[in-house]
């Protein structure tokens, strides 16, 4: 049986220990609680980050461990895959901290399956919706989902495809967009691949109406949506067919653009019918000054944690370029574009 590395640093409550123990009882574990326990090499491993936060949303020993990994180099988690069980004494911080953990470790080569996080907020109130389905005490739902998450980690394998369908979504204009210019540089290294590009234009995608669960299910079964339009005719079918989706995300006030965010919000009607776990996402994020990490973590939260798309290592190409066209003059950018393209092919194609 393959060993799973359980990284469980800091002050841990008995209740959290009980949940993690129930989730991992059938697996061979190496437990890492302190920096002194840290293995020499964490590449090509299966990892559980079991994280209990304090009142301010911190687990300082965990980030000391991540710093030590970063000091080993950007390949210190190459070939590894991970999931996260995270608990907070309040209603906040579980998701934002999970996004940060995924962002940091992904930049060191770690991959994550879709839906890689089980989070527990104060009084387990975030499991109340699940209780309508499972009819179990909240603590048992917490244990059940944690156990399923570990099972996913243990059984998850990379499935490559002979001729993968690549979808590129963007809302930028080529003449002024450094993001699109960078994508063109990446695309030059993907010649011969099956690529479809969709431009989300102004006014073509209305944001989600927030239909009731039953109404959304109805539209999902009809392969439609309340507003219809280009989402139903082009974008949702393209997402359903795609094996890989590349999101081109210029930084808009440290967030994904409103047009692309509307696409993500409207994907719920497809999500209720189609599982995204075998679909891989990448992203190109360009900021004029700073804040790219805010955008990347938003992509992780919406598409990997919430919608369940698979997150490959080094999934985001992150660049700072201000003046129009300045991305082309960044030192080594051609090499970075080629490297990113090669990573895309390596992660999806046989």
C-alpha atoms as a PDB file:
ATOM      1  CA  UNK A   1       0.000   0.000   0.000  1.00  0.00           C
ATOM      2  CA  UNK A   2       1.329   3.441  -0.966  1.00  0.00           C
ATOM      3  CA  UNK A   3       2.145   5.728   1.946  1.00  0.00           C
ATOM      4  CA  UNK A   4       0.119   8.917   2.369  1.00  0.00           C
ATOM      5  CA  UNK A   5       1.880  11.846   4.011  1.00  0.00           C
ATOM      6  CA  UNK A   6      -0.377  13.500   6.591  1.00  0.00           C
ATOM      7  CA  UNK A   7       0.806  17.056   7.211  1.00  0.00           C
ATOM      8  CA  UNK A   8      -0.954  18.098  10.423  1.00  0.00           C
ATOM      9  CA  UNK A   9       0.958  20.944  12.122  1.00  0.00           C
ATOM     10  CA  UNK A  10       0.156  23.262  14.994  1.00  0.00           C
ATOM     11  CA  UNK A  11      -2.278  23.002  17.871  1.00  0.00           C
ATOM     12  CA  UNK A  12      -4.885  20.341  17.051  1.00  0.00           C
ATOM     13  CA  UNK A  13      -8.121  19.683  18.964  1.00  0.00           C
ATOM     14  CA  UNK A  14      -9.264  16.208  19.936  1.00  0.00           C
ATOM     15  CA  UNK A  15     -12.357  16.589  17.740  1.00  0.00           C
ATOM     16  CA  UNK A  16     -10.231  17.320  14.667  1.00  0.00           C
ATOM     17  CA  UNK A  17      -7.942  14.388  15.435  1.00  0.00           C
ATOM     18  CA  UNK A  18     -11.023  12.161  15.575  1.00  0.00           C
ATOM     19  CA  UNK A  19     -12.215  13.296  12.140  1.00  0.00           C
ATOM     20  CA  UNK A  20      -8.809  12.856  10.510  1.00  0.00           C
ATOM     21  CA  UNK A  21      -8.304   9.471  12.161  1.00  0.00           C
ATOM     22  CA  UNK A  22     -11.679   8.253  10.863  1.00  0.00           C
ATOM     23  CA  UNK A  23     -10.824   9.457   7.349  1.00  0.00           C
ATOM     24  CA  UNK A  24      -7.408   7.773   7.213  1.00  0.00           C
ATOM     25  CA  UNK A  25      -7.877   4.608   9.263  1.00  0.00           C
ATOM     26  CA  UNK A  26      -7.420   2.230   6.327  1.00  0.00           C
ATOM     27  CA  UNK A  27      -4.271   3.828   4.947  1.00  0.00           C
ATOM     28  CA  UNK A  28      -0.567   3.658   5.671  1.00  0.00           C
ATOM     29  CA  UNK A  29       0.461   7.088   6.953  1.00  0.00           C
ATOM     30  CA  UNK A  30       3.564   9.090   7.630  1.00  0.00           C
ATOM     31  CA  UNK A  31       2.517  11.876   9.994  1.00  0.00           C
ATOM     32  CA  UNK A  32       4.292  15.232   9.801  1.00  0.00           C
ATOM     33  CA  UNK A  33       3.520  17.523  12.744  1.00  0.00           C
ATOM     34  CA  UNK A  34       6.636  19.710  12.982  1.00  0.00           C
ATOM     35  CA  UNK A  35       9.415  20.969  10.752  1.00  0.00           C
ATOM     36  CA  UNK A  36      11.671  18.442  12.479  1.00  0.00           C
ATOM     37  CA  UNK A  37       9.400  15.659  11.138  1.00  0.00           C
ATOM     38  CA  UNK A  38       9.619  17.009   7.603  1.00  0.00           C
ATOM     39  CA  UNK A  39      10.771  14.396   5.060  1.00  0.00           C
ATOM     40  CA  UNK A  40      13.814  15.091   2.930  1.00  0.00           C
ATOM     41  CA  UNK A  41      11.827  14.703  -0.278  1.00  0.00           C
ATOM     42  CA  UNK A  42       8.085  15.303  -0.801  1.00  0.00           C
ATOM     43  CA  UNK A  43       8.083  14.877  -4.572  1.00  0.00           C
ATOM     44  CA  UNK A  44       5.888  12.181  -6.139  1.00  0.00           C
ATOM     45  CA  UNK A  45       3.910  11.723  -2.924  1.00  0.00           C
ATOM     46  CA  UNK A  46       0.262  11.664  -1.916  1.00  0.00           C
ATOM     47  CA  UNK A  47      -0.381  14.334   0.696  1.00  0.00           C
ATOM     48  CA  UNK A  48      -3.175  15.326   3.057  1.00  0.00           C
ATOM     49  CA  UNK A  49      -2.986  18.805   4.512  1.00  0.00           C
ATOM     50  CA  UNK A  50      -4.993  18.536   7.759  1.00  0.00           C
ATOM     51  CA  UNK A  51      -5.209  22.106   9.008  1.00  0.00           C
ATOM     52  CA  UNK A  52      -6.916  23.531  12.076  1.00  0.00           C
ATOM     53  CA  UNK A  53      -7.032  27.330  12.138  1.00  0.00           C
ATOM     54  CA  UNK A  54      -6.960  29.710  15.084  1.00  0.00           C
ATOM     55  CA  UNK A  55      -9.413  32.552  15.729  1.00  0.00           C
ATOM     56  CA  UNK A  56      -7.589  34.803  13.251  1.00  0.00           C
ATOM     57  CA  UNK A  57      -7.528  32.153  10.533  1.00  0.00           C
ATOM     58  CA  UNK A  58      -3.847  31.267  10.929  1.00  0.00           C
ATOM     59  CA  UNK A  59      -1.860  28.086  11.295  1.00  0.00           C
ATOM     60  CA  UNK A  60       1.639  29.487  11.525  1.00  0.00           C
ATOM     61  CA  UNK A  61       3.506  26.132  11.720  1.00  0.00           C
ATOM     62  CA  UNK A  62       1.908  25.099   8.414  1.00  0.00           C
ATOM     63  CA  UNK A  63       3.193  28.162   6.601  1.00  0.00           C
ATOM     64  CA  UNK A  64       6.618  27.681   8.154  1.00  0.00           C
ATOM     65  CA  UNK A  65       6.589  24.235   6.533  1.00  0.00           C
ATOM     66  CA  UNK A  66       5.484  25.695   3.187  1.00  0.00           C
ATOM     67  CA  UNK A  67       8.298  28.230   3.417  1.00  0.00           C
ATOM     68  CA  UNK A  68      10.775  25.422   3.975  1.00  0.00           C
ATOM     69  CA  UNK A  69       9.406  23.657   0.887  1.00  0.00           C
ATOM     70  CA  UNK A  70       9.692  26.862  -1.140  1.00  0.00           C
ATOM     71  CA  UNK A  71      13.317  27.206  -0.093  1.00  0.00           C
ATOM     72  CA  UNK A  72      13.961  23.755  -1.571  1.00  0.00           C
ATOM     73  CA  UNK A  73      12.914  25.072  -4.988  1.00  0.00           C
ATOM     74  CA  UNK A  74       9.910  25.368  -7.281  1.00  0.00           C
ATOM     75  CA  UNK A  75       9.992  21.615  -7.939  1.00  0.00           C
ATOM     76  CA  UNK A  76       9.865  20.548  -4.278  1.00  0.00           C
ATOM     77  CA  UNK A  77       6.375  19.025  -4.739  1.00  0.00           C
ATOM     78  CA  UNK A  78       6.723  17.984  -8.362  1.00  0.00           C
ATOM     79  CA  UNK A  79       4.666  14.889  -9.152  1.00  0.00           C
ATOM     80  CA  UNK A  80       2.785  15.034  -5.853  1.00  0.00           C
ATOM     81  CA  UNK A  81      -0.975  15.279  -5.435  1.00  0.00           C
ATOM     82  CA  UNK A  82      -2.820  16.578  -2.420  1.00  0.00           C
ATOM     83  CA  UNK A  83      -6.143  17.246  -0.720  1.00  0.00           C
ATOM     84  CA  UNK A  84      -7.083  19.440   2.246  1.00  0.00           C
ATOM     85  CA  UNK A  85      -9.176  18.903   5.374  1.00  0.00           C
ATOM     86  CA  UNK A  86      -9.495  22.260   7.113  1.00  0.00           C
ATOM     87  CA  UNK A  87     -11.349  23.367  10.237  1.00  0.00           C
ATOM     88  CA  UNK A  88     -12.006  26.776  11.779  1.00  0.00           C
ATOM     89  CA  UNK A  89     -13.348  27.820  15.213  1.00  0.00           C
ATOM     90  CA  UNK A  90     -15.483  30.447  13.456  1.00  0.00           C
ATOM     91  CA  UNK A  91     -17.429  30.857  10.224  1.00  0.00           C
ATOM     92  CA  UNK A  92     -14.534  32.355   8.250  1.00  0.00           C
ATOM     93  CA  UNK A  93     -11.129  31.593   6.730  1.00  0.00           C
ATOM     94  CA  UNK A  94     -11.455  27.916   5.725  1.00  0.00           C
ATOM     95  CA  UNK A  95     -11.889  28.561   2.016  1.00  0.00           C
ATOM     96  CA  UNK A  96      -9.501  31.507   1.717  1.00  0.00           C
ATOM     97  CA  UNK A  97      -6.765  29.569   3.538  1.00  0.00           C
ATOM     98  CA  UNK A  98      -7.382  26.485   1.384  1.00  0.00           C
ATOM     99  CA  UNK A  99      -7.043  28.646  -1.734  1.00  0.00           C
ATOM    100  CA  UNK A 100      -3.725  29.980  -0.468  1.00  0.00           C
ATOM    101  CA  UNK A 101      -2.394  26.501   0.339  1.00  0.00           C
ATOM    102  CA  UNK A 102      -3.358  25.261  -3.124  1.00  0.00           C
ATOM    103  CA  UNK A 103      -1.862  28.333  -4.811  1.00  0.00           C
ATOM    104  CA  UNK A 104       1.462  28.043  -2.985  1.00  0.00           C
ATOM    105  CA  UNK A 105       1.875  24.283  -3.391  1.00  0.00           C
ATOM    106  CA  UNK A 106       0.691  24.274  -7.018  1.00  0.00           C
ATOM    107  CA  UNK A 107       3.513  26.703  -7.803  1.00  0.00           C
ATOM    108  CA  UNK A 108       5.862  24.050  -6.392  1.00  0.00           C
ATOM    109  CA  UNK A 109       4.513  21.306  -8.671  1.00  0.00           C
ATOM    110  CA  UNK A 110       1.603  19.839  -6.685  1.00  0.00           C
ATOM    111  CA  UNK A 111      -1.603  18.811  -8.437  1.00  0.00           C
ATOM    112  CA  UNK A 112      -5.111  18.712  -6.959  1.00  0.00           C
ATOM    113  CA  UNK A 113      -8.194  16.717  -7.955  1.00  0.00           C
ATOM    114  CA  UNK A 114     -11.509  18.475  -8.404  1.00  0.00           C
ATOM    115  CA  UNK A 115     -13.231  19.312  -5.116  1.00  0.00           C
ATOM    116  CA  UNK A 116      -9.988  18.869  -3.127  1.00  0.00           C
ATOM    117  CA  UNK A 117     -11.215  20.443   0.118  1.00  0.00           C
ATOM    118  CA  UNK A 118     -13.443  19.406   3.003  1.00  0.00           C
ATOM    119  CA  UNK A 119     -14.007  22.402   5.253  1.00  0.00           C
ATOM    120  CA  UNK A 120     -15.649  22.601   8.654  1.00  0.00           C
ATOM    121  CA  UNK A 121     -16.797  25.921  10.051  1.00  0.00           C
ATOM    122  CA  UNK A 122     -18.062  26.693  13.563  1.00  0.00           C
ATOM    123  CA  UNK A 123     -20.765  24.256  14.729  1.00  0.00           C
ATOM    124  CA  UNK A 124     -20.428  22.477  11.351  1.00  0.00           C
ATOM    125  CA  UNK A 125     -23.123  24.743   9.944  1.00  0.00           C
ATOM    126  CA  UNK A 126     -21.714  24.457   6.418  1.00  0.00           C
ATOM    127  CA  UNK A 127     -22.888  20.807   6.372  1.00  0.00           C
ATOM    128  CA  UNK A 128     -26.574  21.647   6.932  1.00  0.00           C
ATOM    129  CA  UNK A 129     -27.360  21.530   3.208  1.00  0.00           C
ATOM    130  CA  UNK A 130     -25.765  18.070   2.959  1.00  0.00           C
ATOM    131  CA  UNK A 131     -27.865  16.922   5.902  1.00  0.00           C
ATOM    132  CA  UNK A 132     -30.975  17.213   3.710  1.00  0.00           C
ATOM    133  CA  UNK A 133     -29.469  14.483   1.517  1.00  0.00           C
ATOM    134  CA  UNK A 134     -27.664  12.191   3.947  1.00  0.00           C
ATOM    135  CA  UNK A 135     -30.014  12.412   6.986  1.00  0.00           C
ATOM    136  CA  UNK A 136     -27.025  12.013   9.326  1.00  0.00           C
ATOM    137  CA  UNK A 137     -25.683  14.016  12.281  1.00  0.00           C
ATOM    138  CA  UNK A 138     -23.433  16.854  11.086  1.00  0.00           C
ATOM    139  CA  UNK A 139     -20.293  15.305  12.570  1.00  0.00           C
ATOM    140  CA  UNK A 140     -20.952  12.068  10.691  1.00  0.00           C
ATOM    141  CA  UNK A 141     -21.350  13.986   7.424  1.00  0.00           C
ATOM    142  CA  UNK A 142     -18.036  15.707   8.141  1.00  0.00           C
ATOM    143  CA  UNK A 143     -16.358  12.338   8.696  1.00  0.00           C
ATOM    144  CA  UNK A 144     -18.038  10.810   5.653  1.00  0.00           C
ATOM    145  CA  UNK A 145     -16.901  13.585   3.314  1.00  0.00           C
ATOM    146  CA  UNK A 146     -13.375  13.534   4.728  1.00  0.00           C
ATOM    147  CA  UNK A 147     -13.190   9.784   4.187  1.00  0.00           C
ATOM    148  CA  UNK A 148     -14.411  10.158   0.592  1.00  0.00           C
ATOM    149  CA  UNK A 149     -11.811  12.861   0.016  1.00  0.00           C
ATOM    150  CA  UNK A 150      -8.959  10.611   1.170  1.00  0.00           C
ATOM    151  CA  UNK A 151     -10.343   7.798  -0.982  1.00  0.00           C
ATOM    152  CA  UNK A 152     -10.279  10.179  -3.950  1.00  0.00           C
ATOM    153  CA  UNK A 153      -6.656  11.039  -3.226  1.00  0.00           C
ATOM    154  CA  UNK A 154      -5.646   7.390  -2.941  1.00  0.00           C
ATOM    155  CA  UNK A 155      -7.363   6.376  -6.173  1.00  0.00           C
ATOM    156  CA  UNK A 156      -6.838   9.435  -8.375  1.00  0.00           C
ATOM    157  CA  UNK A 157      -4.793   8.854 -11.522  1.00  0.00           C
ATOM    158  CA  UNK A 158      -3.904  11.089 -14.442  1.00  0.00           C
ATOM    159  CA  UNK A 159      -5.850  10.171 -17.599  1.00  0.00           C
ATOM    160  CA  UNK A 160      -4.252  11.361 -20.818  1.00  0.00           C
ATOM    161  CA  UNK A 161      -6.117  11.716 -24.137  1.00  0.00           C
ATOM    162  CA  UNK A 162      -5.040  10.993 -27.730  1.00  0.00           C
ATOM    163  CA  UNK A 163      -6.364  14.219 -29.254  1.00  0.00           C
ATOM    164  CA  UNK A 164      -7.568  16.479 -26.446  1.00  0.00           C
ATOM    165  CA  UNK A 165     -10.026  19.275 -27.141  1.00  0.00           C
ATOM    166  CA  UNK A 166      -8.699  22.576 -25.796  1.00  0.00           C
ATOM    167  CA  UNK A 167     -11.103  25.458 -25.153  1.00  0.00           C
ATOM    168  CA  UNK A 168      -9.832  29.005 -24.594  1.00  0.00           C
ATOM    169  CA  UNK A 169     -12.176  31.526 -22.950  1.00  0.00           C
ATOM    170  CA  UNK A 170     -11.464  35.246 -22.855  1.00  0.00           C
ATOM    171  CA  UNK A 171     -13.155  38.642 -22.877  1.00  0.00           C
ATOM    172  CA  UNK A 172     -10.294  40.819 -24.148  1.00  0.00           C
ATOM    173  CA  UNK A 173      -9.632  42.795 -27.327  1.00  0.00           C
ATOM    174  CA  UNK A 174      -6.444  41.769 -29.150  1.00  0.00           C
ATOM    175  CA  UNK A 175      -5.213  45.284 -29.988  1.00  0.00           C
ATOM    176  CA  UNK A 176      -4.907  46.359 -26.366  1.00  0.00           C
ATOM    177  CA  UNK A 177      -4.620  43.130 -24.385  1.00  0.00           C
ATOM    178  CA  UNK A 178      -1.288  41.932 -23.016  1.00  0.00           C
ATOM    179  CA  UNK A 179      -3.167  38.812 -21.869  1.00  0.00           C
ATOM    180  CA  UNK A 180      -4.199  37.903 -25.416  1.00  0.00           C
ATOM    181  CA  UNK A 181      -0.722  38.689 -26.732  1.00  0.00           C
ATOM    182  CA  UNK A 182       0.744  36.297 -24.171  1.00  0.00           C
ATOM    183  CA  UNK A 183      -1.807  33.644 -25.153  1.00  0.00           C
ATOM    184  CA  UNK A 184      -0.754  34.013 -28.815  1.00  0.00           C
ATOM    185  CA  UNK A 185       2.826  33.336 -27.735  1.00  0.00           C
ATOM    186  CA  UNK A 186       1.717  30.200 -25.884  1.00  0.00           C
ATOM    187  CA  UNK A 187      -0.457  29.125 -28.824  1.00  0.00           C
ATOM    188  CA  UNK A 188       2.525  29.263 -31.191  1.00  0.00           C
ATOM    189  CA  UNK A 189       3.909  26.339 -29.200  1.00  0.00           C
ATOM    190  CA  UNK A 190       0.634  24.399 -29.463  1.00  0.00           C
ATOM    191  CA  UNK A 191       0.528  24.157 -33.241  1.00  0.00           C
ATOM    192  CA  UNK A 192      -1.430  21.180 -34.500  1.00  0.00           C
ATOM    193  CA  UNK A 193      -3.549  20.907 -31.359  1.00  0.00           C
ATOM    194  CA  UNK A 194      -7.357  20.938 -31.402  1.00  0.00           C
ATOM    195  CA  UNK A 195      -8.019  24.454 -30.069  1.00  0.00           C
ATOM    196  CA  UNK A 196     -11.265  26.413 -29.989  1.00  0.00           C
ATOM    197  CA  UNK A 197     -11.326  30.053 -28.835  1.00  0.00           C
ATOM    198  CA  UNK A 198     -14.438  31.836 -27.587  1.00  0.00           C
ATOM    199  CA  UNK A 199     -14.593  35.581 -27.001  1.00  0.00           C
ATOM    200  CA  UNK A 200     -17.157  36.613 -24.378  1.00  0.00           C
ATOM    201  CA  UNK A 201     -18.256  39.982 -25.697  1.00  0.00           C
ATOM    202  CA  UNK A 202     -19.928  42.830 -23.840  1.00  0.00           C
ATOM    203  CA  UNK A 203     -23.619  42.232 -23.193  1.00  0.00           C
ATOM    204  CA  UNK A 204     -23.648  38.652 -24.480  1.00  0.00           C
ATOM    205  CA  UNK A 205     -23.651  36.874 -21.100  1.00  0.00           C
ATOM    206  CA  UNK A 206     -26.048  37.995 -18.375  1.00  0.00           C
ATOM    207  CA  UNK A 207     -24.998  37.001 -14.857  1.00  0.00           C
ATOM    208  CA  UNK A 208     -26.722  34.150 -13.028  1.00  0.00           C
ATOM    209  CA  UNK A 209     -30.334  34.849 -12.000  1.00  0.00           C
ATOM    210  CA  UNK A 210     -30.071  32.652  -8.919  1.00  0.00           C
ATOM    211  CA  UNK A 211     -32.891  30.250  -9.775  1.00  0.00           C
ATOM    212  CA  UNK A 212     -34.123  27.824  -7.142  1.00  0.00           C
ATOM    213  CA  UNK A 213     -32.473  24.406  -6.988  1.00  0.00           C
ATOM    214  CA  UNK A 214     -35.459  22.698  -8.643  1.00  0.00           C
ATOM    215  CA  UNK A 215     -35.633  25.309 -11.402  1.00  0.00           C
ATOM    216  CA  UNK A 216     -31.915  24.992 -12.128  1.00  0.00           C
ATOM    217  CA  UNK A 217     -32.227  21.192 -12.249  1.00  0.00           C
ATOM    218  CA  UNK A 218     -35.097  21.547 -14.722  1.00  0.00           C
ATOM    219  CA  UNK A 219     -33.060  23.760 -17.044  1.00  0.00           C
ATOM    220  CA  UNK A 220     -30.068  21.439 -16.649  1.00  0.00           C
ATOM    221  CA  UNK A 221     -32.093  18.431 -17.755  1.00  0.00           C
ATOM    222  CA  UNK A 222     -33.260  20.443 -20.768  1.00  0.00           C
ATOM    223  CA  UNK A 223     -29.645  21.431 -21.550  1.00  0.00           C
ATOM    224  CA  UNK A 224     -30.721  25.027 -21.257  1.00  0.00           C
ATOM    225  CA  UNK A 225     -30.700  27.972 -18.825  1.00  0.00           C
ATOM    226  CA  UNK A 226     -33.162  30.703 -17.788  1.00  0.00           C
ATOM    227  CA  UNK A 227     -31.513  33.370 -19.951  1.00  0.00           C
ATOM    228  CA  UNK A 228     -30.512  31.170 -22.903  1.00  0.00           C
ATOM    229  CA  UNK A 229     -28.397  33.039 -25.447  1.00  0.00           C
ATOM    230  CA  UNK A 230     -24.742  32.430 -26.275  1.00  0.00           C
ATOM    231  CA  UNK A 231     -24.218  30.535 -23.008  1.00  0.00           C
ATOM    232  CA  UNK A 232     -26.650  27.810 -24.064  1.00  0.00           C
ATOM    233  CA  UNK A 233     -25.854  27.889 -27.783  1.00  0.00           C
ATOM    234  CA  UNK A 234     -22.049  28.043 -27.681  1.00  0.00           C
ATOM    235  CA  UNK A 235     -20.253  28.342 -24.347  1.00  0.00           C
ATOM    236  CA  UNK A 236     -21.831  25.561 -22.262  1.00  0.00           C
ATOM    237  CA  UNK A 237     -21.677  22.994 -25.115  1.00  0.00           C
ATOM    238  CA  UNK A 238     -18.022  23.942 -25.708  1.00  0.00           C
ATOM    239  CA  UNK A 239     -17.206  23.470 -22.010  1.00  0.00           C
ATOM    240  CA  UNK A 240     -19.003  20.116 -22.025  1.00  0.00           C
ATOM    241  CA  UNK A 241     -16.987  18.914 -25.038  1.00  0.00           C
ATOM    242  CA  UNK A 242     -13.630  20.244 -23.843  1.00  0.00           C
ATOM    243  CA  UNK A 243     -10.963  18.162 -22.140  1.00  0.00           C
ATOM    244  CA  UNK A 244      -8.978  21.246 -21.151  1.00  0.00           C
ATOM    245  CA  UNK A 245     -10.079  24.854 -20.613  1.00  0.00           C
ATOM    246  CA  UNK A 246      -7.633  27.756 -20.579  1.00  0.00           C
ATOM    247  CA  UNK A 247      -8.978  30.873 -18.864  1.00  0.00           C
ATOM    248  CA  UNK A 248      -7.387  34.137 -19.992  1.00  0.00           C
ATOM    249  CA  UNK A 249      -7.719  36.483 -17.014  1.00  0.00           C
ATOM    250  CA  UNK A 250      -6.407  40.023 -17.061  1.00  0.00           C
ATOM    251  CA  UNK A 251      -6.471  41.523 -13.576  1.00  0.00           C
ATOM    252  CA  UNK A 252      -9.590  43.662 -13.085  1.00  0.00           C
ATOM    253  CA  UNK A 253      -9.291  45.298  -9.656  1.00  0.00           C
ATOM    254  CA  UNK A 254      -7.600  42.136  -8.329  1.00  0.00           C
ATOM    255  CA  UNK A 255     -10.430  39.940  -9.619  1.00  0.00           C
ATOM    256  CA  UNK A 256     -11.598  37.970 -12.648  1.00  0.00           C
ATOM    257  CA  UNK A 257     -13.368  40.185 -15.191  1.00  0.00           C
ATOM    258  CA  UNK A 258     -17.134  40.519 -14.777  1.00  0.00           C
ATOM    259  CA  UNK A 259     -17.796  38.848 -18.133  1.00  0.00           C
ATOM    260  CA  UNK A 260     -15.796  35.728 -17.324  1.00  0.00           C
ATOM    261  CA  UNK A 261     -17.193  35.664 -13.793  1.00  0.00           C
ATOM    262  CA  UNK A 262     -20.690  35.650 -15.290  1.00  0.00           C
ATOM    263  CA  UNK A 263     -19.686  32.611 -17.365  1.00  0.00           C
ATOM    264  CA  UNK A 264     -18.469  30.822 -14.233  1.00  0.00           C
ATOM    265  CA  UNK A 265     -21.667  31.669 -12.352  1.00  0.00           C
ATOM    266  CA  UNK A 266     -23.845  30.444 -15.222  1.00  0.00           C
ATOM    267  CA  UNK A 267     -21.935  27.138 -15.419  1.00  0.00           C
ATOM    268  CA  UNK A 268     -23.951  25.827 -12.456  1.00  0.00           C
ATOM    269  CA  UNK A 269     -26.683  24.610 -14.780  1.00  0.00           C
ATOM    270  CA  UNK A 270     -24.097  22.446 -16.589  1.00  0.00           C
ATOM    271  CA  UNK A 271     -22.376  21.425 -13.357  1.00  0.00           C
ATOM    272  CA  UNK A 272     -25.613  19.821 -12.140  1.00  0.00           C
ATOM    273  CA  UNK A 273     -25.555  17.505 -15.172  1.00  0.00           C
ATOM    274  CA  UNK A 274     -21.873  17.030 -16.063  1.00  0.00           C
ATOM    275  CA  UNK A 275     -18.981  16.127 -13.768  1.00  0.00           C
ATOM    276  CA  UNK A 276     -15.884  18.205 -14.393  1.00  0.00           C
ATOM    277  CA  UNK A 277     -13.354  16.009 -12.557  1.00  0.00           C
ATOM    278  CA  UNK A 278     -11.700  14.785 -15.766  1.00  0.00           C
ATOM    279  CA  UNK A 279     -11.502  18.279 -17.265  1.00  0.00           C
ATOM    280  CA  UNK A 280      -8.260  20.164 -16.718  1.00  0.00           C
ATOM    281  CA  UNK A 281      -7.975  23.926 -16.240  1.00  0.00           C
ATOM    282  CA  UNK A 282      -5.124  26.318 -16.942  1.00  0.00           C
ATOM    283  CA  UNK A 283      -5.029  30.089 -16.682  1.00  0.00           C
ATOM    284  CA  UNK A 284      -3.025  33.014 -17.978  1.00  0.00           C
ATOM    285  CA  UNK A 285      -3.142  35.949 -15.560  1.00  0.00           C
ATOM    286  CA  UNK A 286      -1.684  39.353 -16.408  1.00  0.00           C
ATOM    287  CA  UNK A 287      -1.631  42.304 -13.998  1.00  0.00           C
ATOM    288  CA  UNK A 288      -0.705  45.883 -14.758  1.00  0.00           C
ATOM    289  CA  UNK A 289       1.022  46.319 -11.416  1.00  0.00           C
ATOM    290  CA  UNK A 290       0.310  43.702  -8.719  1.00  0.00           C
ATOM    291  CA  UNK A 291      -2.400  41.406  -7.395  1.00  0.00           C
ATOM    292  CA  UNK A 292      -2.086  38.446  -9.771  1.00  0.00           C
ATOM    293  CA  UNK A 293      -2.182  36.071  -6.807  1.00  0.00           C
ATOM    294  CA  UNK A 294      -5.654  37.418  -5.918  1.00  0.00           C
ATOM    295  CA  UNK A 295      -6.922  36.510  -9.378  1.00  0.00           C
ATOM    296  CA  UNK A 296      -5.253  33.085  -9.417  1.00  0.00           C
ATOM    297  CA  UNK A 297      -6.727  32.202  -6.012  1.00  0.00           C
ATOM    298  CA  UNK A 298     -10.157  33.247  -7.284  1.00  0.00           C
ATOM    299  CA  UNK A 299      -9.754  30.888 -10.256  1.00  0.00           C
ATOM    300  CA  UNK A 300      -8.763  28.113  -7.834  1.00  0.00           C
ATOM    301  CA  UNK A 301     -11.730  28.798  -5.554  1.00  0.00           C
ATOM    302  CA  UNK A 302     -14.387  29.004  -8.231  1.00  0.00           C
ATOM    303  CA  UNK A 303     -13.250  26.315 -10.658  1.00  0.00           C
ATOM    304  CA  UNK A 304     -11.181  23.779  -8.695  1.00  0.00           C
ATOM    305  CA  UNK A 305     -12.639  23.901  -5.167  1.00  0.00           C
ATOM    306  CA  UNK A 306     -16.248  24.723  -6.048  1.00  0.00           C
ATOM    307  CA  UNK A 307     -16.866  23.434  -9.572  1.00  0.00           C
ATOM    308  CA  UNK A 308     -14.503  20.448  -9.389  1.00  0.00           C
ATOM    309  CA  UNK A 309     -12.164  20.941 -12.343  1.00  0.00           C
ATOM    310  CA  UNK A 310      -8.830  19.146 -12.070  1.00  0.00           C
ATOM    311  CA  UNK A 311      -5.881  21.419 -11.224  1.00  0.00           C
ATOM    312  CA  UNK A 312      -2.548  20.387 -12.789  1.00  0.00           C
ATOM    313  CA  UNK A 313       0.835  21.533 -11.445  1.00  0.00           C
ATOM    314  CA  UNK A 314       1.884  25.041 -12.483  1.00  0.00           C
ATOM    315  CA  UNK A 315      -1.621  25.653 -13.831  1.00  0.00           C
ATOM    316  CA  UNK A 316      -1.212  29.444 -14.045  1.00  0.00           C
ATOM    317  CA  UNK A 317       1.157  31.527 -16.150  1.00  0.00           C
ATOM    318  CA  UNK A 318       1.490  34.761 -14.165  1.00  0.00           C
ATOM    319  CA  UNK A 319       2.971  37.957 -15.633  1.00  0.00           C
ATOM    320  CA  UNK A 320       3.073  41.670 -14.819  1.00  0.00           C
ATOM    321  CA  UNK A 321       2.792  43.934 -17.869  1.00  0.00           C
ATOM    322  CA  UNK A 322       1.391  47.460 -17.816  1.00  0.00           C
ATOM    323  CA  UNK A 323       1.641  49.367 -21.100  1.00  0.00           C
ATOM    324  CA  UNK A 324      -0.098  47.788 -24.123  1.00  0.00           C
ATOM    325  CA  UNK A 325       2.242  45.363 -25.828  1.00  0.00           C
ATOM    326  CA  UNK A 326       4.839  45.487 -23.036  1.00  0.00           C
ATOM    327  CA  UNK A 327       4.395  41.768 -22.351  1.00  0.00           C
ATOM    328  CA  UNK A 328       6.436  41.067 -25.468  1.00  0.00           C
ATOM    329  CA  UNK A 329       9.492  42.835 -24.055  1.00  0.00           C
ATOM    330  CA  UNK A 330       9.631  40.906 -20.754  1.00  0.00           C
ATOM    331  CA  UNK A 331      12.989  39.151 -20.455  1.00  0.00           C
ATOM    332  CA  UNK A 332      12.622  35.420 -21.102  1.00  0.00           C
ATOM    333  CA  UNK A 333       8.886  35.590 -21.891  1.00  0.00           C
ATOM    334  CA  UNK A 334       9.237  33.430 -25.028  1.00  0.00           C
ATOM    335  CA  UNK A 335      10.858  30.731 -22.907  1.00  0.00           C
ATOM    336  CA  UNK A 336       8.102  30.974 -20.279  1.00  0.00           C
ATOM    337  CA  UNK A 337       5.370  30.761 -22.925  1.00  0.00           C
ATOM    338  CA  UNK A 338       6.976  27.667 -24.431  1.00  0.00           C
ATOM    339  CA  UNK A 339       7.391  26.069 -21.006  1.00  0.00           C
ATOM    340  CA  UNK A 340       3.715  26.719 -20.205  1.00  0.00           C
ATOM    341  CA  UNK A 341       2.597  25.206 -23.518  1.00  0.00           C
ATOM    342  CA  UNK A 342       4.731  22.126 -22.885  1.00  0.00           C
ATOM    343  CA  UNK A 343       3.149  21.729 -19.451  1.00  0.00           C
ATOM    344  CA  UNK A 344      -0.331  21.866 -20.993  1.00  0.00           C
ATOM    345  CA  UNK A 345       0.514  19.089 -23.454  1.00  0.00           C
ATOM    346  CA  UNK A 346       2.254  16.982 -20.817  1.00  0.00           C
ATOM    347  CA  UNK A 347      -0.791  17.156 -18.543  1.00  0.00           C
ATOM    348  CA  UNK A 348      -3.518  16.290 -21.042  1.00  0.00           C
ATOM    349  CA  UNK A 349      -2.109  14.443 -24.078  1.00  0.00           C
ATOM    350  CA  UNK A 350      -0.946  10.843 -24.541  1.00  0.00           C
END
